Each structure stands twice: as structure tokens, then as C-alpha cells.
N, C-alpha and C. Protein backbone atom coordinates (compact mmCIF):
# COMPACT_ATOMS: atom_id res chain seq x y z
N MET A 1 -25.81 -3.57 -37.50
CA MET A 1 -26.90 -3.22 -36.60
C MET A 1 -26.58 -1.94 -35.82
N VAL A 2 -25.32 -1.71 -35.52
CA VAL A 2 -24.94 -0.51 -34.79
C VAL A 2 -25.28 0.74 -35.60
N SER A 3 -25.04 0.70 -36.89
CA SER A 3 -25.34 1.87 -37.72
C SER A 3 -26.84 2.14 -37.78
N VAL A 4 -27.65 1.10 -37.78
CA VAL A 4 -29.11 1.27 -37.78
C VAL A 4 -29.55 1.88 -36.45
N ALA A 5 -28.95 1.45 -35.36
CA ALA A 5 -29.28 2.01 -34.05
C ALA A 5 -28.90 3.49 -33.99
N LEU A 6 -27.76 3.85 -34.53
CA LEU A 6 -27.35 5.25 -34.56
C LEU A 6 -28.29 6.07 -35.44
N LEU A 7 -28.67 5.54 -36.59
CA LEU A 7 -29.63 6.23 -37.45
C LEU A 7 -30.95 6.45 -36.73
N CYS A 8 -31.37 5.48 -35.95
CA CYS A 8 -32.61 5.61 -35.19
C CYS A 8 -32.50 6.73 -34.16
N ARG A 9 -31.37 6.83 -33.49
CA ARG A 9 -31.16 7.90 -32.51
C ARG A 9 -31.16 9.27 -33.18
N ILE A 10 -30.53 9.36 -34.33
CA ILE A 10 -30.51 10.63 -35.06
C ILE A 10 -31.92 10.98 -35.52
N ALA A 11 -32.63 10.00 -36.06
CA ALA A 11 -34.01 10.24 -36.51
C ALA A 11 -34.87 10.71 -35.35
N ASN A 12 -34.69 10.14 -34.18
CA ASN A 12 -35.47 10.53 -33.03
C ASN A 12 -35.21 12.00 -32.65
N LYS A 13 -33.99 12.43 -32.80
CA LYS A 13 -33.67 13.83 -32.51
C LYS A 13 -34.28 14.76 -33.55
N VAL A 14 -34.26 14.36 -34.81
CA VAL A 14 -34.89 15.16 -35.88
C VAL A 14 -36.39 15.26 -35.61
N ILE A 15 -37.01 14.15 -35.24
CA ILE A 15 -38.44 14.13 -34.94
C ILE A 15 -38.73 15.05 -33.76
N THR A 16 -37.93 14.96 -32.72
CA THR A 16 -38.12 15.80 -31.54
C THR A 16 -38.01 17.28 -31.89
N LEU A 17 -37.03 17.64 -32.68
CA LEU A 17 -36.82 19.04 -33.03
C LEU A 17 -37.93 19.60 -33.92
N HIS A 18 -38.67 18.74 -34.58
CA HIS A 18 -39.77 19.20 -35.43
C HIS A 18 -41.12 19.20 -34.73
N ARG A 19 -41.16 18.80 -33.46
CA ARG A 19 -42.42 18.90 -32.71
C ARG A 19 -42.68 20.39 -32.47
N PRO A 20 -43.92 20.84 -32.71
CA PRO A 20 -44.21 22.29 -32.63
C PRO A 20 -43.79 22.95 -31.33
N GLN A 21 -44.05 22.32 -30.19
CA GLN A 21 -43.72 22.97 -28.91
C GLN A 21 -42.21 23.08 -28.71
N ILE A 22 -41.45 22.19 -29.30
CA ILE A 22 -39.99 22.23 -29.17
C ILE A 22 -39.39 23.14 -30.24
N ALA A 23 -39.97 23.14 -31.44
CA ALA A 23 -39.47 23.99 -32.51
C ALA A 23 -39.56 25.47 -32.15
N ARG A 24 -40.53 25.84 -31.29
CA ARG A 24 -40.68 27.24 -30.88
C ARG A 24 -39.67 27.66 -29.82
N MET A 25 -39.02 26.71 -29.20
CA MET A 25 -38.05 27.02 -28.15
C MET A 25 -36.75 27.55 -28.76
N SER A 26 -35.99 28.25 -27.96
CA SER A 26 -34.68 28.69 -28.42
C SER A 26 -33.74 27.49 -28.49
N VAL A 27 -32.67 27.63 -29.24
CA VAL A 27 -31.68 26.55 -29.37
C VAL A 27 -31.12 26.18 -28.00
N GLU A 28 -30.85 27.18 -27.18
CA GLU A 28 -30.28 26.92 -25.86
C GLU A 28 -31.27 26.17 -24.97
N ALA A 29 -32.55 26.50 -25.08
CA ALA A 29 -33.56 25.86 -24.23
C ALA A 29 -33.80 24.40 -24.61
N ARG A 30 -33.69 24.10 -25.88
CA ARG A 30 -33.96 22.72 -26.30
C ARG A 30 -32.72 21.83 -26.32
N ARG A 31 -31.55 22.42 -26.17
CA ARG A 31 -30.31 21.63 -26.18
C ARG A 31 -30.31 20.49 -25.17
N PRO A 32 -30.74 20.70 -23.91
CA PRO A 32 -30.74 19.57 -22.96
C PRO A 32 -31.68 18.43 -23.38
N LEU A 33 -32.69 18.74 -24.18
CA LEU A 33 -33.64 17.72 -24.62
C LEU A 33 -33.06 16.78 -25.66
N ILE A 34 -32.04 17.26 -26.39
CA ILE A 34 -31.51 16.46 -27.51
C ILE A 34 -30.03 16.17 -27.40
N ASP A 35 -29.38 16.67 -26.35
CA ASP A 35 -27.94 16.46 -26.25
C ASP A 35 -27.63 15.01 -25.96
N GLY A 36 -26.48 14.58 -26.34
CA GLY A 36 -26.06 13.20 -26.16
C GLY A 36 -25.27 12.77 -27.38
N SER A 37 -25.58 11.62 -27.88
CA SER A 37 -24.88 11.10 -29.06
C SER A 37 -25.85 10.99 -30.21
N PRO A 38 -25.67 11.72 -31.28
CA PRO A 38 -24.67 12.74 -31.54
C PRO A 38 -24.98 14.02 -30.75
N PRO A 39 -23.98 14.88 -30.61
CA PRO A 39 -24.17 16.12 -29.85
C PRO A 39 -25.28 17.00 -30.44
N ALA A 40 -25.83 17.85 -29.59
CA ALA A 40 -26.96 18.69 -29.98
C ALA A 40 -26.66 19.55 -31.20
N TYR A 41 -25.45 20.09 -31.33
CA TYR A 41 -25.17 20.96 -32.46
C TYR A 41 -25.23 20.20 -33.78
N TYR A 42 -24.88 18.92 -33.78
CA TYR A 42 -25.03 18.11 -34.99
C TYR A 42 -26.50 17.84 -35.27
N ALA A 43 -27.25 17.53 -34.22
CA ALA A 43 -28.68 17.24 -34.38
C ALA A 43 -29.41 18.46 -34.93
N GLU A 44 -29.07 19.64 -34.43
CA GLU A 44 -29.70 20.87 -34.94
C GLU A 44 -29.40 21.04 -36.43
N ASP A 45 -28.16 20.83 -36.81
CA ASP A 45 -27.77 20.97 -38.22
C ASP A 45 -28.49 19.95 -39.09
N ILE A 46 -28.56 18.72 -38.64
CA ILE A 46 -29.22 17.68 -39.42
C ILE A 46 -30.72 17.98 -39.52
N ALA A 47 -31.35 18.39 -38.44
CA ALA A 47 -32.79 18.63 -38.43
C ALA A 47 -33.19 19.75 -39.39
N ARG A 48 -32.33 20.73 -39.58
CA ARG A 48 -32.64 21.82 -40.51
C ARG A 48 -32.78 21.33 -41.95
N ARG A 49 -32.24 20.18 -42.24
CA ARG A 49 -32.29 19.64 -43.60
C ARG A 49 -33.57 18.86 -43.88
N PHE A 50 -34.42 18.71 -42.86
CA PHE A 50 -35.66 17.96 -42.98
C PHE A 50 -36.86 18.89 -42.80
N THR A 51 -37.93 18.57 -43.52
CA THR A 51 -39.19 19.28 -43.33
C THR A 51 -39.99 18.55 -42.25
N PRO A 52 -41.03 19.18 -41.72
CA PRO A 52 -41.89 18.46 -40.77
C PRO A 52 -42.49 17.18 -41.38
N GLN A 53 -42.78 17.19 -42.66
CA GLN A 53 -43.30 16.00 -43.33
C GLN A 53 -42.24 14.90 -43.37
N ASP A 54 -40.99 15.29 -43.61
CA ASP A 54 -39.89 14.32 -43.58
C ASP A 54 -39.75 13.70 -42.19
N ALA A 55 -39.87 14.55 -41.17
CA ALA A 55 -39.77 14.06 -39.79
C ALA A 55 -40.88 13.07 -39.48
N SER A 56 -42.07 13.34 -40.00
CA SER A 56 -43.18 12.41 -39.81
C SER A 56 -42.90 11.07 -40.48
N ALA A 57 -42.33 11.11 -41.67
CA ALA A 57 -41.97 9.87 -42.38
C ALA A 57 -40.90 9.11 -41.62
N LEU A 58 -39.93 9.82 -41.04
CA LEU A 58 -38.91 9.16 -40.21
C LEU A 58 -39.54 8.49 -39.00
N GLU A 59 -40.49 9.19 -38.39
CA GLU A 59 -41.14 8.63 -37.21
C GLU A 59 -41.87 7.33 -37.54
N GLN A 60 -42.53 7.31 -38.67
CA GLN A 60 -43.22 6.09 -39.10
C GLN A 60 -42.23 4.99 -39.44
N GLY A 61 -41.15 5.34 -40.09
CA GLY A 61 -40.18 4.34 -40.52
C GLY A 61 -39.40 3.70 -39.38
N PHE A 62 -39.14 4.47 -38.33
CA PHE A 62 -38.34 3.97 -37.21
C PHE A 62 -39.19 3.61 -36.00
N TYR A 63 -40.51 3.60 -36.15
CA TYR A 63 -41.40 3.37 -35.02
C TYR A 63 -41.12 2.05 -34.30
N LEU A 64 -41.04 0.97 -35.03
CA LEU A 64 -40.85 -0.34 -34.39
C LEU A 64 -39.51 -0.44 -33.67
N LEU A 65 -38.47 0.06 -34.29
CA LEU A 65 -37.16 0.01 -33.65
C LEU A 65 -37.13 0.91 -32.41
N GLN A 66 -37.72 2.08 -32.49
CA GLN A 66 -37.76 2.99 -31.35
C GLN A 66 -38.55 2.37 -30.20
N ARG A 67 -39.64 1.70 -30.53
CA ARG A 67 -40.44 1.02 -29.51
C ARG A 67 -39.63 -0.09 -28.83
N ALA A 68 -38.85 -0.82 -29.63
CA ALA A 68 -38.01 -1.88 -29.06
C ALA A 68 -36.95 -1.30 -28.13
N PHE A 69 -36.34 -0.18 -28.51
CA PHE A 69 -35.36 0.47 -27.64
C PHE A 69 -36.01 0.94 -26.34
N ALA A 70 -37.22 1.47 -26.44
CA ALA A 70 -37.92 1.97 -25.25
C ALA A 70 -38.25 0.81 -24.30
N SER A 71 -38.66 -0.32 -24.85
CA SER A 71 -38.98 -1.45 -23.98
C SER A 71 -37.72 -2.02 -23.34
N ASP A 72 -36.59 -1.98 -24.05
CA ASP A 72 -35.33 -2.43 -23.46
C ASP A 72 -34.90 -1.50 -22.32
N ALA A 73 -35.13 -0.21 -22.49
CA ALA A 73 -34.75 0.75 -21.47
C ALA A 73 -35.59 0.61 -20.20
N GLU A 74 -36.81 0.10 -20.35
CA GLU A 74 -37.70 -0.05 -19.20
C GLU A 74 -37.38 -1.28 -18.37
N ARG A 75 -36.61 -2.20 -18.91
CA ARG A 75 -36.27 -3.41 -18.17
C ARG A 75 -35.32 -3.08 -17.03
N PRO A 76 -35.52 -3.74 -15.87
CA PRO A 76 -34.63 -3.46 -14.72
C PRO A 76 -33.26 -4.06 -14.90
């Protein structure tokens, strides 16, 4: 389950980097938006290997898990 959670986090960074408003930003400007685990430089490298269509497919595939993580984060 840990590996699936990590894959979800990576997918979320790829999805974020392919959003038009973020893709137009410089690498330095978007680094704070995606830094963490894995580090931003890895996320940038991984995201370059995906097309926007691939990112959309990732978003659909990880939607339920991402929603579950978001609801867990909202709990006090």
C-alpha cells in the first residue's frame, strides 16, 4: 500500500506540472508548488516523460485515492 500511495503522490505532481497555468511558469517559480517527497527536481524529470493526455489519464486513474487522501487530510 505504501508504494501505491507514493505512486499517487508522484502522479499528482505530474498532473500539477501539466496544468496550463503552472506549465507556463518557470521551474523556479513552480518548485514550491511541487516540492516535497519526491523532491521537485525528480518530479520535473518524471513529468517531462508524460504528455498532457497521459497526465489526464493519471488524474482519472488516481482520482479515488487522491480524494481519500484529501479527506484524511481534512480531519482534525
